[in-house]
C-alpha atoms as a PDB file:
ATOM      1  CA  UNK A   1     108.433  82.361 130.548  1.00  0.00           C
ATOM      2  CA  UNK A   2     110.252  85.593 130.676  1.00  0.00           C
ATOM      3  CA  UNK A   3     113.814  85.149 129.849  1.00  0.00           C
ATOM      4  CA  UNK A   4     116.483  86.556 132.196  1.00  0.00           C
ATOM      5  CA  UNK A   5     118.295  89.632 130.774  1.00  0.00           C
ATOM      6  CA  UNK A   6     121.673  88.352 129.249  1.00  0.00           C
ATOM      7  CA  UNK A   7     123.235  91.647 130.105  1.00  0.00           C
ATOM      8  CA  UNK A   8     122.022  91.615 133.623  1.00  0.00           C
ATOM      9  CA  UNK A   9     124.446  90.913 136.482  1.00  0.00           C
ATOM     10  CA  UNK A  10     122.507  88.375 138.594  1.00  0.00           C
ATOM     11  CA  UNK A  11     123.356  88.027 142.338  1.00  0.00           C
ATOM     12  CA  UNK A  12     124.372  84.814 143.746  1.00  0.00           C
ATOM     13  CA  UNK A  13     122.332  82.603 145.986  1.00  0.00           C
ATOM     14  CA  UNK A  14     120.734  84.426 148.816  1.00  0.00           C
ATOM     15  CA  UNK A  15     122.067  84.057 152.518  1.00  0.00           C
ATOM     16  CA  UNK A  16     120.496  84.524 155.813  1.00  0.00           C
ATOM     17  CA  UNK A  17     122.122  87.894 156.285  1.00  0.00           C
ATOM     18  CA  UNK A  18     119.987  89.026 153.402  1.00  0.00           C
ATOM     19  CA  UNK A  19     116.868  88.482 155.307  1.00  0.00           C
ATOM     20  CA  UNK A  20     114.256  91.147 155.275  1.00  0.00           C
ATOM     21  CA  UNK A  21     111.645  91.741 158.190  1.00  0.00           C
ATOM     22  CA  UNK A  22     107.962  91.539 157.369  1.00  0.00           C
ATOM     23  CA  UNK A  23     106.093  94.748 156.951  1.00  0.00           C
ATOM     24  CA  UNK A  24     103.983  95.777 160.134  1.00  0.00           C
ATOM     25  CA  UNK A  25     100.243  96.304 160.045  1.00  0.00           C
ATOM     26  CA  UNK A  26     100.719  99.803 161.018  1.00  0.00           C
ATOM     27  CA  UNK A  27     103.900 100.631 158.757  1.00  0.00           C
ATOM     28  CA  UNK A  28     101.744 102.573 156.209  1.00  0.00           C
ATOM     29  CA  UNK A  29     102.264 100.267 153.398  1.00  0.00           C
ATOM     30  CA  UNK A  30      99.815 100.660 150.522  1.00  0.00           C
ATOM     31  CA  UNK A  31      98.036  97.796 148.393  1.00  0.00           C
ATOM     32  CA  UNK A  32      98.917  97.253 144.850  1.00  0.00           C
ATOM     33  CA  UNK A  33      96.438  95.113 142.780  1.00  0.00           C
ATOM     34  CA  UNK A  34      97.391  96.047 139.225  1.00  0.00           C
ATOM     35  CA  UNK A  35      98.483  93.036 137.350  1.00  0.00           C
ATOM     36  CA  UNK A  36     101.176  94.831 135.267  1.00  0.00           C
ATOM     37  CA  UNK A  37     102.959  96.442 138.339  1.00  0.00           C
ATOM     38  CA  UNK A  38     103.004  93.123 139.952  1.00  0.00           C
ATOM     39  CA  UNK A  39     104.330  91.194 137.141  1.00  0.00           C
ATOM     40  CA  UNK A  40     106.986  93.743 136.264  1.00  0.00           C
ATOM     41  CA  UNK A  41     108.325  93.939 139.794  1.00  0.00           C
ATOM     42  CA  UNK A  42     108.685  90.321 140.489  1.00  0.00           C
ATOM     43  CA  UNK A  43     110.261  89.834 136.886  1.00  0.00           C
ATOM     44  CA  UNK A  44     112.729  92.523 138.132  1.00  0.00           C
ATOM     45  CA  UNK A  45     113.420  90.660 141.422  1.00  0.00           C
ATOM     46  CA  UNK A  46     113.957  87.438 139.018  1.00  0.00           C
ATOM     47  CA  UNK A  47     116.402  89.392 136.823  1.00  0.00           C
ATOM     48  CA  UNK A  48     118.550  90.692 139.488  1.00  0.00           C
ATOM     49  CA  UNK A  49     118.275  87.564 141.803  1.00  0.00           C
ATOM     50  CA  UNK A  50     117.223  89.588 144.653  1.00  0.00           C
ATOM     51  CA  UNK A  51     116.837  87.776 147.958  1.00  0.00           C
ATOM     52  CA  UNK A  52     113.222  86.704 148.860  1.00  0.00           C
ATOM     53  CA  UNK A  53     112.572  85.934 152.584  1.00  0.00           C
ATOM     54  CA  UNK A  54     109.880  83.440 152.968  1.00  0.00           C
ATOM     55  CA  UNK A  55     107.940  83.164 156.294  1.00  0.00           C
ATOM     56  CA  UNK A  56     106.051  79.876 156.474  1.00  0.00           C
ATOM     57  CA  UNK A  57     103.396  79.231 159.033  1.00  0.00           C
ATOM     58  CA  UNK A  58     105.000  77.277 162.057  1.00  0.00           C
ATOM     59  CA  UNK A  59     108.709  77.367 160.655  1.00  0.00           C
ATOM     60  CA  UNK A  60     111.627  79.740 160.815  1.00  0.00           C
ATOM     61  CA  UNK A  61     112.170  81.909 157.846  1.00  0.00           C
ATOM     62  CA  UNK A  62     114.122  80.610 154.762  1.00  0.00           C
ATOM     63  CA  UNK A  63     115.718  82.293 151.828  1.00  0.00           C
ATOM     64  CA  UNK A  64     114.885  81.993 148.131  1.00  0.00           C
ATOM     65  CA  UNK A  65     114.877  84.012 144.926  1.00  0.00           C
ATOM     66  CA  UNK A  66     112.571  84.073 141.924  1.00  0.00           C
ATOM     67  CA  UNK A  67     113.982  81.862 139.122  1.00  0.00           C
ATOM     68  CA  UNK A  68     111.458  82.844 136.256  1.00  0.00           C
ATOM     69  CA  UNK A  69     107.975  84.362 135.605  1.00  0.00           C
ATOM     70  CA  UNK A  70     105.238  82.916 133.404  1.00  0.00           C
ATOM     71  CA  UNK A  71     102.978  85.856 133.050  1.00  0.00           C
ATOM     72  CA  UNK A  72     100.715  84.014 130.730  1.00  0.00           C
ATOM     73  CA  UNK A  73     100.138  80.979 133.061  1.00  0.00           C
ATOM     74  CA  UNK A  74     100.198  83.381 136.089  1.00  0.00           C
ATOM     75  CA  UNK A  75     102.874  81.492 137.764  1.00  0.00           C
ATOM     76  CA  UNK A  76     106.259  81.824 139.151  1.00  0.00           C
ATOM     77  CA  UNK A  77     109.194  79.471 139.939  1.00  0.00           C
ATOM     78  CA  UNK A  78     110.671  79.928 143.468  1.00  0.00           C
ATOM     79  CA  UNK A  79     114.179  78.537 143.951  1.00  0.00           C
ATOM     80  CA  UNK A  80     114.848  77.822 147.479  1.00  0.00           C
ATOM     81  CA  UNK A  81     118.321  78.371 149.052  1.00  0.00           C
ATOM     82  CA  UNK A  82     118.278  75.074 151.126  1.00  0.00           C
ATOM     83  CA  UNK A  83     116.650  71.703 151.031  1.00  0.00           C
ATOM     84  CA  UNK A  84     113.447  72.052 153.047  1.00  0.00           C
ATOM     85  CA  UNK A  85     109.788  71.295 152.422  1.00  0.00           C
ATOM     86  CA  UNK A  86     107.625  74.398 153.070  1.00  0.00           C
ATOM     87  CA  UNK A  87     104.893  73.746 155.559  1.00  0.00           C
ATOM     88  CA  UNK A  88     101.269  73.546 154.379  1.00  0.00           C
ATOM     89  CA  UNK A  89      99.419  76.848 154.963  1.00  0.00           C
ATOM     90  CA  UNK A  90     100.119  80.616 154.476  1.00  0.00           C
ATOM     91  CA  UNK A  91     103.414  81.869 153.200  1.00  0.00           C
ATOM     92  CA  UNK A  92     104.545  85.381 153.466  1.00  0.00           C
ATOM     93  CA  UNK A  93     107.171  86.505 150.955  1.00  0.00           C
ATOM     94  CA  UNK A  94     109.168  89.663 151.448  1.00  0.00           C
ATOM     95  CA  UNK A  95     111.912  91.379 149.323  1.00  0.00           C
ATOM     96  CA  UNK A  96     113.732  94.744 149.051  1.00  0.00           C
ATOM     97  CA  UNK A  97     112.799  97.191 146.537  1.00  0.00           C
ATOM     98  CA  UNK A  98     115.690  99.653 145.476  1.00  0.00           C
ATOM     99  CA  UNK A  99     117.271 100.199 148.877  1.00  0.00           C
ATOM    100  CA  UNK A 100     114.652 101.811 151.043  1.00  0.00           C
ATOM    101  CA  UNK A 101     111.578 100.085 149.967  1.00  0.00           C
ATOM    102  CA  UNK A 102     110.180  96.673 150.183  1.00  0.00           C
ATOM    103  CA  UNK A 103     107.356  94.412 148.914  1.00  0.00           C
ATOM    104  CA  UNK A 104     105.234  91.746 150.668  1.00  0.00           C
ATOM    105  CA  UNK A 105     102.664  89.255 149.424  1.00  0.00           C
ATOM    106  CA  UNK A 106     101.038  86.058 150.752  1.00  0.00           C
ATOM    107  CA  UNK A 107     100.424  82.913 149.076  1.00  0.00           C
ATOM    108  CA  UNK A 108      99.092  79.423 150.016  1.00  0.00           C
ATOM    109  CA  UNK A 109     101.853  76.817 150.189  1.00  0.00           C
ATOM    110  CA  UNK A 110     100.226  74.426 147.729  1.00  0.00           C
ATOM    111  CA  UNK A 111     102.787  74.801 145.084  1.00  0.00           C
ATOM    112  CA  UNK A 112     104.207  71.781 143.278  1.00  0.00           C
ATOM    113  CA  UNK A 113     107.704  70.772 143.251  1.00  0.00           C
ATOM    114  CA  UNK A 114     109.460  70.675 139.750  1.00  0.00           C
ATOM    115  CA  UNK A 115     110.895  67.258 138.569  1.00  0.00           C
ATOM    116  CA  UNK A 116     114.579  67.025 138.717  1.00  0.00           C
ATOM    117  CA  UNK A 117     114.734  70.293 140.916  1.00  0.00           C
ATOM    118  CA  UNK A 118     114.512  69.587 144.640  1.00  0.00           C
ATOM    119  CA  UNK A 119     114.660  73.147 145.592  1.00  0.00           C
ATOM    120  CA  UNK A 120     112.258  74.665 142.974  1.00  0.00           C
ATOM    121  CA  UNK A 121     108.541  75.326 143.715  1.00  0.00           C
ATOM    122  CA  UNK A 122     106.004  76.687 141.165  1.00  0.00           C
ATOM    123  CA  UNK A 123     103.540  79.063 142.831  1.00  0.00           C
ATOM    124  CA  UNK A 124     100.743  81.408 141.416  1.00  0.00           C
ATOM    125  CA  UNK A 125     101.336  84.932 141.072  1.00  0.00           C
ATOM    126  CA  UNK A 126      99.907  87.046 143.723  1.00  0.00           C
ATOM    127  CA  UNK A 127      96.864  89.140 142.914  1.00  0.00           C
ATOM    128  CA  UNK A 128      97.748  91.715 145.412  1.00  0.00           C
ATOM    129  CA  UNK A 129     100.724  92.851 147.401  1.00  0.00           C
ATOM    130  CA  UNK A 130     101.950  95.459 149.958  1.00  0.00           C
ATOM    131  CA  UNK A 131     104.546  98.023 149.196  1.00  0.00           C
ATOM    132  CA  UNK A 132     106.191 100.148 151.727  1.00  0.00           C
ATOM    133  CA  UNK A 133     108.019 103.464 150.906  1.00  0.00           C
ATOM    134  CA  UNK A 134     107.560 102.556 147.145  1.00  0.00           C
ATOM    135  CA  UNK A 135     110.228 104.086 144.775  1.00  0.00           C
ATOM    136  CA  UNK A 136     108.974 102.486 141.804  1.00  0.00           C
ATOM    137  CA  UNK A 137     107.251 105.151 139.393  1.00  0.00           C
ATOM    138  CA  UNK A 138     103.536 105.707 139.746  1.00  0.00           C
ATOM    139  CA  UNK A 139     101.535 105.206 136.433  1.00  0.00           C
ATOM    140  CA  UNK A 140      99.542 108.324 135.306  1.00  0.00           C
ATOM    141  CA  UNK A 141      96.347 107.794 133.464  1.00  0.00           C
ATOM    142  CA  UNK A 142      96.380 109.728 130.201  1.00  0.00           C
ATOM    143  CA  UNK A 143      94.351 112.801 130.304  1.00  0.00           C
ATOM    144  CA  UNK A 144      91.050 112.551 128.532  1.00  0.00           C
ATOM    145  CA  UNK A 145      91.917 115.916 126.512  1.00  0.00           C
ATOM    146  CA  UNK A 146      95.082 115.886 124.314  1.00  0.00           C
ATOM    147  CA  UNK A 147      96.493 113.225 122.070  1.00  0.00           C
ATOM    148  CA  UNK A 148      98.249 110.290 123.778  1.00  0.00           C
ATOM    149  CA  UNK A 149      99.195 107.085 121.725  1.00  0.00           C
ATOM    150  CA  UNK A 150     102.123 104.887 120.343  1.00  0.00           C
ATOM    151  CA  UNK A 151     103.108 104.524 116.873  1.00  0.00           C
ATOM    152  CA  UNK A 152     105.424 101.947 115.543  1.00  0.00           C
ATOM    153  CA  UNK A 153     106.109  99.263 112.937  1.00  0.00           C
ATOM    154  CA  UNK A 154     106.183  95.540 113.589  1.00  0.00           C
ATOM    155  CA  UNK A 155     106.895  92.845 111.315  1.00  0.00           C
ATOM    156  CA  UNK A 156     106.037  95.336 108.382  1.00  0.00           C
ATOM    157  CA  UNK A 157     102.711  96.347 110.024  1.00  0.00           C
ATOM    158  CA  UNK A 158     101.972  99.897 111.160  1.00  0.00           C
ATOM    159  CA  UNK A 159     100.352 100.199 114.553  1.00  0.00           C
ATOM    160  CA  UNK A 160      98.922 103.130 116.360  1.00  0.00           C
ATOM    161  CA  UNK A 161      97.431 102.236 119.821  1.00  0.00           C
ATOM    162  CA  UNK A 162      95.927 104.482 122.374  1.00  0.00           C
ATOM    163  CA  UNK A 163      98.027 105.152 125.468  1.00  0.00           C
ATOM    164  CA  UNK A 164      95.930 104.959 128.665  1.00  0.00           C
ATOM    165  CA  UNK A 165      98.659 105.328 131.127  1.00  0.00           C
ATOM    166  CA  UNK A 166     102.410 105.924 131.477  1.00  0.00           C
ATOM    167  CA  UNK A 167     105.191 106.458 133.913  1.00  0.00           C
ATOM    168  CA  UNK A 168     109.029 107.114 133.781  1.00  0.00           C
ATOM    169  CA  UNK A 169     109.436 103.405 133.619  1.00  0.00           C
ATOM    170  CA  UNK A 170     106.848 102.147 131.304  1.00  0.00           C
ATOM    171  CA  UNK A 171     103.584 102.697 129.402  1.00  0.00           C
ATOM    172  CA  UNK A 172     100.069 100.901 129.021  1.00  0.00           C
ATOM    173  CA  UNK A 173      98.739 100.360 125.650  1.00  0.00           C
ATOM    174  CA  UNK A 174      95.183  99.193 124.597  1.00  0.00           C
ATOM    175  CA  UNK A 175      94.832  96.953 121.733  1.00  0.00           C
ATOM    176  CA  UNK A 176      92.047  95.005 120.191  1.00  0.00           C
ATOM    177  CA  UNK A 177      92.346  91.209 120.224  1.00  0.00           C
ATOM    178  CA  UNK A 178      93.514  91.060 116.524  1.00  0.00           C
ATOM    179  CA  UNK A 179      96.235  93.728 117.205  1.00  0.00           C
ATOM    180  CA  UNK A 180      97.257  91.976 120.331  1.00  0.00           C
ATOM    181  CA  UNK A 181      97.876  88.706 118.405  1.00  0.00           C
ATOM    182  CA  UNK A 182     101.156  90.142 117.404  1.00  0.00           C
ATOM    183  CA  UNK A 183     102.401  90.548 120.731  1.00  0.00           C
ATOM    184  CA  UNK A 184     103.774  88.254 123.322  1.00  0.00           C
ATOM    185  CA  UNK A 185     105.479  88.615 126.818  1.00  0.00           C
ATOM    186  CA  UNK A 186     109.004  89.564 126.375  1.00  0.00           C
ATOM    187  CA  UNK A 187     108.581  90.824 122.794  1.00  0.00           C
ATOM    188  CA  UNK A 188     110.935  93.767 122.053  1.00  0.00           C
ATOM    189  CA  UNK A 189     109.402  96.879 120.054  1.00  0.00           C
ATOM    190  CA  UNK A 190     112.071  99.137 118.731  1.00  0.00           C
ATOM    191  CA  UNK A 191     111.654 102.930 117.723  1.00  0.00           C
ATOM    192  CA  UNK A 192     108.292 103.453 119.223  1.00  0.00           C
ATOM    193  CA  UNK A 193     106.936 107.038 118.938  1.00  0.00           C
ATOM    194  CA  UNK A 194     105.130 107.823 122.229  1.00  0.00           C
ATOM    195  CA  UNK A 195     102.736 110.844 121.673  1.00  0.00           C
ATOM    196  CA  UNK A 196     102.409 112.413 125.093  1.00  0.00           C
ATOM    197  CA  UNK A 197     100.127 115.376 124.743  1.00  0.00           C
ATOM    198  CA  UNK A 198     100.383 118.390 122.277  1.00  0.00           C
ATOM    199  CA  UNK A 199     103.732 118.780 120.361  1.00  0.00           C
ATOM    200  CA  UNK A 200     105.567 116.249 122.574  1.00  0.00           C
ATOM    201  CA  UNK A 201     106.696 113.034 121.315  1.00  0.00           C
ATOM    202  CA  UNK A 202     109.218 110.599 122.980  1.00  0.00           C
ATOM    203  CA  UNK A 203     111.058 107.750 121.074  1.00  0.00           C
ATOM    204  CA  UNK A 204     111.956 104.775 122.997  1.00  0.00           C
ATOM    205  CA  UNK A 205     112.207 100.861 122.814  1.00  0.00           C
ATOM    206  CA  UNK A 206     109.643  98.910 124.577  1.00  0.00           C
ATOM    207  CA  UNK A 207     109.425  95.417 126.088  1.00  0.00           C
ATOM    208  CA  UNK A 208     105.988  93.658 126.573  1.00  0.00           C
ATOM    209  CA  UNK A 209     105.631  92.501 130.004  1.00  0.00           C
ATOM    210  CA  UNK A 210     101.915  91.953 130.224  1.00  0.00           C
ATOM    211  CA  UNK A 211      99.047  90.893 128.220  1.00  0.00           C
ATOM    212  CA  UNK A 212      95.832  90.982 130.046  1.00  0.00           C
ATOM    213  CA  UNK A 213      92.210  90.847 128.191  1.00  0.00           C
ATOM    214  CA  UNK A 214      89.362  93.043 129.624  1.00  0.00           C
ATOM    215  CA  UNK A 215      85.920  94.220 128.317  1.00  0.00           C
ATOM    216  CA  UNK A 216      84.652  97.870 128.150  1.00  0.00           C
ATOM    217  CA  UNK A 217      81.008  98.833 127.731  1.00  0.00           C
ATOM    218  CA  UNK A 218      81.839 100.897 124.533  1.00  0.00           C
ATOM    219  CA  UNK A 219      84.746  99.001 122.755  1.00  0.00           C
ATOM    220  CA  UNK A 220      83.857  95.435 123.824  1.00  0.00           C
ATOM    221  CA  UNK A 221      86.824  93.076 124.220  1.00  0.00           C
ATOM    222  CA  UNK A 222      90.212  94.826 124.440  1.00  0.00           C
ATOM    223  CA  UNK A 223      93.743  93.743 125.572  1.00  0.00           C
ATOM    224  CA  UNK A 224      95.963  95.609 127.866  1.00  0.00           C
ATOM    225  CA  UNK A 225      99.618  95.638 126.605  1.00  0.00           C
ATOM    226  CA  UNK A 226     101.742  96.640 129.597  1.00  0.00           C
ATOM    227  CA  UNK A 227     105.294  97.680 128.365  1.00  0.00           C
ATOM    228  CA  UNK A 228     108.602  98.422 130.027  1.00  0.00           C
ATOM    229  CA  UNK A 229     110.863 101.178 128.684  1.00  0.00           C
ATOM    230  CA  UNK A 230     113.921  99.221 127.823  1.00  0.00           C
ATOM    231  CA  UNK A 231     116.148 101.628 125.971  1.00  0.00           C
ATOM    232  CA  UNK A 232     115.725 105.549 125.978  1.00  0.00           C
ATOM    233  CA  UNK A 233     118.326 108.341 125.093  1.00  0.00           C
ATOM    234  CA  UNK A 234     118.919 110.875 127.558  1.00  0.00           C
ATOM    235  CA  UNK A 235     117.239 113.512 125.592  1.00  0.00           C
ATOM    236  CA  UNK A 236     114.046 111.493 125.320  1.00  0.00           C
ATOM    237  CA  UNK A 237     114.252 110.632 129.003  1.00  0.00           C
ATOM    238  CA  UNK A 238     114.248 114.342 129.816  1.00  0.00           C
ATOM    239  CA  UNK A 239     111.195 114.738 127.551  1.00  0.00           C
ATOM    240  CA  UNK A 240     109.525 111.996 129.316  1.00  0.00           C
ATOM    241  CA  UNK A 241     110.231 113.534 132.794  1.00  0.00           C
ATOM    242  CA  UNK A 242     108.602 116.921 131.486  1.00  0.00           C
ATOM    243  CA  UNK A 243     105.496 115.012 130.440  1.00  0.00           C
ATOM    244  CA  UNK A 244     105.181 113.076 133.701  1.00  0.00           C
ATOM    245  CA  UNK A 245     105.679 116.389 135.676  1.00  0.00           C
ATOM    246  CA  UNK A 246     103.121 118.106 133.605  1.00  0.00           C
ATOM    247  CA  UNK A 247     100.279 115.641 134.131  1.00  0.00           C
ATOM    248  CA  UNK A 248     101.224 115.483 138.014  1.00  0.00           C
ATOM    249  CA  UNK A 249     101.069 119.147 138.291  1.00  0.00           C
ATOM    250  CA  UNK A 250      97.600 119.174 136.868  1.00  0.00           C
ATOM    251  CA  UNK A 251      96.429 116.694 139.462  1.00  0.00           C
END
């Protein structure tokens, strides 16, 4: 499971005053299906201890927070704020994102209680969610023309992986199954050189947040390595801003 950041100040148990209303059908929310985005967003909610409002069928809403994420098993642990048993059927989860945005997803209430933890329930990660007024950075696919990739040394081995998308907050790498064997969710990669087009290199530290196998017609079995930028200097951040703006302008 992903470990909570030791230097992250986590909020205390959620209260009813932190409840977030459900997103209306005509609110203009957009659907997110990318596994990396979903895992990354829910991991951030777990790290901050952000309040999760749970709307069970036939029951009043209750408060909770995400205790931990297991990206490999595609599950998460929900820590309820009170001793209740969630009703069977559909659950709607809503949480605030960065002040003026929120996320909503639905799951079936078939999670299992964890031994010794009366308020903890293990549930599957959602495959899709709705985001309203999203403030998280949109990921941009790397242009077909130009050089986009990541170079770094890990455990004495040199890696040079293609970069298929990037944003102000993270990057997506493509690896072979053999290369991906060196990674796991939570792995820190320091001093990564990100080549973002002609004559533009950004150096940053990355944290692996997702490993997802997939297959392509030309390359066969591949692995998506989704990474969050965990450390970057102000100068490098400005370079990254320019690279993102350049690609956005062209589109």
